[in-house]
N, C-alpha and C. Protein backbone atom coordinates (compact mmCIF):
# COMPACT_ATOMS: atom_id res chain seq x y z
N MET A 1 13.09 21.69 -13.86
CA MET A 1 12.69 20.64 -14.77
C MET A 1 11.76 21.26 -15.82
N ASN A 2 12.03 20.99 -17.11
CA ASN A 2 11.16 21.58 -18.13
C ASN A 2 9.85 20.81 -18.20
N LYS A 3 8.87 21.42 -18.84
CA LYS A 3 7.51 20.87 -18.88
C LYS A 3 7.44 19.48 -19.52
N THR A 4 8.19 19.25 -20.60
CA THR A 4 8.18 17.95 -21.27
C THR A 4 8.73 16.87 -20.35
N LYS A 5 9.83 17.17 -19.70
CA LYS A 5 10.43 16.21 -18.78
C LYS A 5 9.48 15.93 -17.61
N GLU A 6 8.83 16.96 -17.13
CA GLU A 6 7.86 16.83 -16.04
C GLU A 6 6.72 15.91 -16.45
N MET A 7 6.18 16.08 -17.64
CA MET A 7 5.06 15.27 -18.11
C MET A 7 5.49 13.83 -18.40
N ASN A 8 6.72 13.63 -18.85
CA ASN A 8 7.21 12.29 -19.17
C ASN A 8 7.24 11.37 -17.95
N LYS A 9 7.46 11.92 -16.77
CA LYS A 9 7.51 11.06 -15.59
C LYS A 9 6.15 10.44 -15.27
N TYR A 10 5.08 10.97 -15.87
CA TYR A 10 3.74 10.43 -15.65
C TYR A 10 3.27 9.53 -16.80
N LYS A 11 4.08 9.44 -17.84
CA LYS A 11 3.68 8.77 -19.08
C LYS A 11 3.25 7.31 -18.91
N ASN A 12 3.97 6.53 -18.14
CA ASN A 12 3.70 5.10 -18.04
C ASN A 12 2.94 4.71 -16.77
N ILE A 13 2.37 5.67 -16.08
CA ILE A 13 1.63 5.38 -14.85
C ILE A 13 0.28 4.76 -15.22
N THR A 14 -0.01 3.62 -14.58
CA THR A 14 -1.27 2.92 -14.86
C THR A 14 -2.14 2.74 -13.62
N ASP A 15 -1.61 3.03 -12.43
CA ASP A 15 -2.45 2.91 -11.24
C ASP A 15 -2.02 3.92 -10.18
N PHE A 16 -2.83 4.02 -9.15
CA PHE A 16 -2.61 5.00 -8.10
C PHE A 16 -1.30 4.77 -7.35
N GLU A 17 -0.96 3.52 -7.08
CA GLU A 17 0.28 3.20 -6.38
C GLU A 17 1.49 3.73 -7.13
N GLN A 18 1.49 3.60 -8.45
CA GLN A 18 2.60 4.12 -9.26
C GLN A 18 2.66 5.64 -9.18
N LEU A 19 1.52 6.29 -9.18
CA LEU A 19 1.48 7.75 -9.06
C LEU A 19 2.06 8.19 -7.72
N ILE A 20 1.66 7.52 -6.64
CA ILE A 20 2.18 7.86 -5.32
C ILE A 20 3.70 7.66 -5.28
N GLU A 21 4.18 6.60 -5.91
CA GLU A 21 5.62 6.34 -5.95
C GLU A 21 6.37 7.45 -6.70
N VAL A 22 5.82 7.90 -7.82
CA VAL A 22 6.46 8.98 -8.58
C VAL A 22 6.47 10.27 -7.76
N GLU A 23 5.36 10.54 -7.11
CA GLU A 23 5.23 11.79 -6.35
C GLU A 23 5.97 11.78 -5.01
N HIS A 24 5.97 10.62 -4.33
CA HIS A 24 6.46 10.60 -2.94
C HIS A 24 7.55 9.57 -2.67
N GLY A 25 7.96 8.82 -3.68
CA GLY A 25 9.04 7.86 -3.50
C GLY A 25 8.54 6.45 -3.17
N LYS A 26 9.48 5.55 -3.13
CA LYS A 26 9.18 4.15 -2.84
C LYS A 26 8.87 3.96 -1.36
N ILE A 27 8.12 2.90 -1.05
CA ILE A 27 7.82 2.56 0.33
C ILE A 27 9.12 2.38 1.09
N GLY A 28 9.17 3.00 2.26
CA GLY A 28 10.37 2.92 3.10
C GLY A 28 11.27 4.13 3.02
N THR A 29 11.09 4.96 1.98
CA THR A 29 11.90 6.18 1.90
C THR A 29 11.34 7.22 2.85
N GLU A 30 12.19 8.16 3.24
CA GLU A 30 11.76 9.20 4.18
C GLU A 30 10.58 10.00 3.64
N SER A 31 10.64 10.38 2.35
CA SER A 31 9.56 11.19 1.78
C SER A 31 8.25 10.40 1.72
N ARG A 32 8.32 9.12 1.41
CA ARG A 32 7.10 8.29 1.36
C ARG A 32 6.54 8.07 2.77
N ASN A 33 7.42 7.84 3.73
CA ASN A 33 6.96 7.67 5.11
C ASN A 33 6.23 8.91 5.60
N LYS A 34 6.76 10.08 5.28
CA LYS A 34 6.12 11.34 5.69
C LYS A 34 4.76 11.50 5.02
N TYR A 35 4.69 11.16 3.73
CA TYR A 35 3.42 11.21 3.02
C TYR A 35 2.41 10.28 3.67
N GLU A 36 2.80 9.05 3.95
CA GLU A 36 1.90 8.06 4.56
C GLU A 36 1.42 8.53 5.93
N GLU A 37 2.34 9.09 6.71
CA GLU A 37 1.98 9.61 8.03
C GLU A 37 0.94 10.72 7.92
N ASN A 38 1.16 11.65 7.00
CA ASN A 38 0.21 12.75 6.79
C ASN A 38 -1.13 12.24 6.29
N ALA A 39 -1.12 11.25 5.41
CA ALA A 39 -2.36 10.68 4.89
C ALA A 39 -3.15 10.02 6.01
N GLN A 40 -2.48 9.26 6.87
CA GLN A 40 -3.16 8.60 7.98
C GLN A 40 -3.72 9.62 8.96
N MET A 41 -2.96 10.67 9.23
CA MET A 41 -3.44 11.70 10.14
C MET A 41 -4.66 12.40 9.57
N PHE A 42 -4.68 12.63 8.26
CA PHE A 42 -5.84 13.25 7.62
C PHE A 42 -7.07 12.34 7.78
N ILE A 43 -6.89 11.05 7.56
CA ILE A 43 -8.01 10.11 7.69
C ILE A 43 -8.55 10.11 9.11
N ILE A 44 -7.66 10.05 10.08
CA ILE A 44 -8.08 10.07 11.49
C ILE A 44 -8.81 11.37 11.80
N SER A 45 -8.30 12.48 11.30
CA SER A 45 -8.93 13.77 11.59
C SER A 45 -10.35 13.83 11.02
N GLU A 46 -10.53 13.30 9.82
CA GLU A 46 -11.87 13.30 9.20
C GLU A 46 -12.82 12.36 9.94
N MET A 47 -12.32 11.21 10.38
CA MET A 47 -13.15 10.27 11.13
C MET A 47 -13.58 10.88 12.46
N LEU A 48 -12.66 11.55 13.13
CA LEU A 48 -12.98 12.19 14.40
C LEU A 48 -14.02 13.28 14.22
N LYS A 49 -13.80 14.12 13.23
CA LYS A 49 -14.72 15.22 12.96
C LYS A 49 -16.13 14.69 12.67
N GLU A 50 -16.21 13.68 11.81
CA GLU A 50 -17.50 13.09 11.44
C GLU A 50 -18.19 12.45 12.65
N ALA A 51 -17.44 11.71 13.45
CA ALA A 51 -18.02 11.06 14.63
C ALA A 51 -18.51 12.09 15.63
N ARG A 52 -17.77 13.16 15.80
CA ARG A 52 -18.20 14.22 16.73
C ARG A 52 -19.47 14.89 16.25
N LYS A 53 -19.53 15.16 14.94
CA LYS A 53 -20.73 15.80 14.39
C LYS A 53 -21.94 14.87 14.47
N GLU A 54 -21.74 13.58 14.22
CA GLU A 54 -22.84 12.61 14.35
C GLU A 54 -23.35 12.55 15.78
N ALA A 55 -22.45 12.73 16.74
CA ALA A 55 -22.83 12.74 18.16
C ALA A 55 -23.42 14.08 18.58
N LYS A 56 -23.46 15.04 17.64
CA LYS A 56 -24.00 16.38 17.90
C LYS A 56 -23.31 17.04 19.10
N MET A 57 -21.97 16.94 19.07
CA MET A 57 -21.17 17.53 20.14
C MET A 57 -20.27 18.62 19.58
N THR A 58 -19.99 19.59 20.42
CA THR A 58 -18.99 20.59 20.06
C THR A 58 -17.61 20.03 20.42
N GLN A 59 -16.58 20.67 19.92
CA GLN A 59 -15.23 20.26 20.29
C GLN A 59 -15.03 20.38 21.80
N GLU A 60 -15.59 21.43 22.36
CA GLU A 60 -15.46 21.66 23.80
C GLU A 60 -16.15 20.56 24.60
N GLN A 61 -17.35 20.16 24.18
CA GLN A 61 -18.07 19.09 24.86
C GLN A 61 -17.30 17.77 24.78
N LEU A 62 -16.78 17.48 23.61
CA LEU A 62 -16.02 16.24 23.43
C LEU A 62 -14.77 16.26 24.30
N ALA A 63 -14.07 17.38 24.31
CA ALA A 63 -12.84 17.50 25.10
C ALA A 63 -13.14 17.27 26.57
N GLU A 64 -14.20 17.87 27.07
CA GLU A 64 -14.57 17.71 28.47
C GLU A 64 -14.89 16.25 28.80
N LYS A 65 -15.66 15.63 27.95
CA LYS A 65 -16.05 14.23 28.17
C LYS A 65 -14.86 13.28 28.08
N ALA A 66 -13.89 13.58 27.21
CA ALA A 66 -12.72 12.72 27.01
C ALA A 66 -11.54 13.09 27.91
N GLY A 67 -11.68 14.15 28.68
CA GLY A 67 -10.60 14.54 29.59
C GLY A 67 -9.41 15.17 28.89
N THR A 68 -9.68 15.98 27.88
CA THR A 68 -8.60 16.68 27.18
C THR A 68 -9.05 18.12 26.94
N LYS A 69 -8.33 18.84 26.12
CA LYS A 69 -8.65 20.25 25.87
C LYS A 69 -9.26 20.44 24.49
N LYS A 70 -10.10 21.46 24.38
CA LYS A 70 -10.71 21.80 23.09
C LYS A 70 -9.65 22.06 22.04
N SER A 71 -8.57 22.74 22.42
CA SER A 71 -7.51 23.06 21.46
C SER A 71 -6.87 21.79 20.89
N TYR A 72 -6.79 20.74 21.71
CA TYR A 72 -6.23 19.47 21.25
C TYR A 72 -7.17 18.81 20.25
N ILE A 73 -8.48 18.81 20.54
CA ILE A 73 -9.47 18.26 19.61
C ILE A 73 -9.41 19.02 18.29
N SER A 74 -9.32 20.34 18.36
CA SER A 74 -9.23 21.17 17.16
C SER A 74 -8.00 20.82 16.33
N LYS A 75 -6.85 20.68 16.99
CA LYS A 75 -5.63 20.32 16.28
C LYS A 75 -5.78 18.97 15.58
N LEU A 76 -6.36 18.02 16.28
CA LEU A 76 -6.55 16.69 15.69
C LEU A 76 -7.49 16.75 14.49
N GLU A 77 -8.57 17.48 14.63
CA GLU A 77 -9.54 17.59 13.54
C GLU A 77 -8.96 18.32 12.33
N ASN A 78 -7.94 19.10 12.54
CA ASN A 78 -7.29 19.81 11.44
C ASN A 78 -5.99 19.14 11.02
N ALA A 79 -5.78 17.91 11.49
CA ALA A 79 -4.60 17.10 11.16
C ALA A 79 -3.30 17.83 11.47
N LYS A 80 -3.31 18.60 12.55
CA LYS A 80 -2.13 19.38 12.93
C LYS A 80 -1.43 18.84 14.16
N GLY A 81 -2.12 18.05 14.95
CA GLY A 81 -1.55 17.61 16.21
C GLY A 81 -0.81 16.30 16.10
N ASN A 82 0.03 16.06 17.07
CA ASN A 82 0.70 14.78 17.19
C ASN A 82 -0.13 13.98 18.18
N ILE A 83 -0.60 12.82 17.76
CA ILE A 83 -1.57 12.10 18.56
C ILE A 83 -0.96 10.87 19.23
N GLN A 84 -1.32 10.69 20.49
CA GLN A 84 -0.95 9.47 21.20
C GLN A 84 -2.11 8.49 21.06
N LEU A 85 -1.77 7.23 20.86
CA LEU A 85 -2.80 6.21 20.68
C LEU A 85 -3.73 6.14 21.88
N SER A 86 -3.20 6.21 23.07
CA SER A 86 -4.04 6.14 24.28
C SER A 86 -5.05 7.29 24.32
N THR A 87 -4.63 8.46 23.89
CA THR A 87 -5.53 9.62 23.87
C THR A 87 -6.59 9.45 22.79
N LEU A 88 -6.19 8.97 21.62
CA LEU A 88 -7.15 8.73 20.54
C LEU A 88 -8.22 7.73 20.99
N ILE A 89 -7.80 6.66 21.63
CA ILE A 89 -8.75 5.66 22.13
C ILE A 89 -9.68 6.29 23.15
N ARG A 90 -9.15 7.07 24.06
CA ARG A 90 -9.98 7.72 25.09
C ARG A 90 -11.00 8.67 24.45
N ILE A 91 -10.57 9.43 23.44
CA ILE A 91 -11.48 10.37 22.78
C ILE A 91 -12.64 9.62 22.13
N PHE A 92 -12.32 8.55 21.41
CA PHE A 92 -13.38 7.81 20.74
C PHE A 92 -14.22 7.00 21.72
N GLU A 93 -13.59 6.31 22.66
CA GLU A 93 -14.33 5.42 23.53
C GLU A 93 -15.06 6.16 24.65
N GLN A 94 -14.38 7.03 25.37
CA GLN A 94 -15.02 7.77 26.45
C GLN A 94 -15.82 8.95 25.92
N GLY A 95 -15.23 9.67 25.00
CA GLY A 95 -15.87 10.89 24.51
C GLY A 95 -17.02 10.64 23.56
N LEU A 96 -16.88 9.64 22.68
CA LEU A 96 -17.88 9.42 21.63
C LEU A 96 -18.59 8.08 21.74
N ASN A 97 -18.24 7.30 22.75
CA ASN A 97 -18.83 5.98 22.95
C ASN A 97 -18.69 5.10 21.71
N ARG A 98 -17.51 5.16 21.10
CA ARG A 98 -17.19 4.36 19.90
C ARG A 98 -16.02 3.47 20.20
N ARG A 99 -15.93 2.36 19.52
CA ARG A 99 -14.79 1.44 19.65
C ARG A 99 -13.80 1.72 18.53
N ILE A 100 -12.53 1.48 18.82
CA ILE A 100 -11.48 1.65 17.81
C ILE A 100 -10.90 0.27 17.51
N GLY A 101 -10.68 0.00 16.24
CA GLY A 101 -10.00 -1.21 15.82
C GLY A 101 -8.78 -0.81 15.02
N LEU A 102 -7.68 -1.51 15.20
CA LEU A 102 -6.46 -1.21 14.47
C LEU A 102 -6.11 -2.38 13.57
N THR A 103 -5.59 -2.04 12.42
CA THR A 103 -5.12 -3.05 11.48
C THR A 103 -3.69 -2.72 11.11
N PHE A 104 -2.84 -3.70 11.19
CA PHE A 104 -1.45 -3.53 10.79
C PHE A 104 -1.22 -4.32 9.53
N LEU A 105 -0.70 -3.66 8.50
CA LEU A 105 -0.46 -4.31 7.22
C LEU A 105 1.00 -4.53 7.00
């Protein structure tokens, strides 16, 4: 794609949702679903990292308290792991003494 054509696809964008659609496709497409999944995993990883640091715990301490492995905590904090909801709840509730709330849109 030449530079002019590349820039033209951004010409009429007025909000973030339109930008995401141009970059990753419409809601429901495979590419958009993958983007959304990665974005959610990044958010979870940052929340976990921040909560662990606020609790002044190492990854190893958190893993021990939550009944999992340090390598798993590390993967989650780096948005690399595949997470089970039950494990995420256990890490936050048992490991960090935090409650989790879910919202479905």
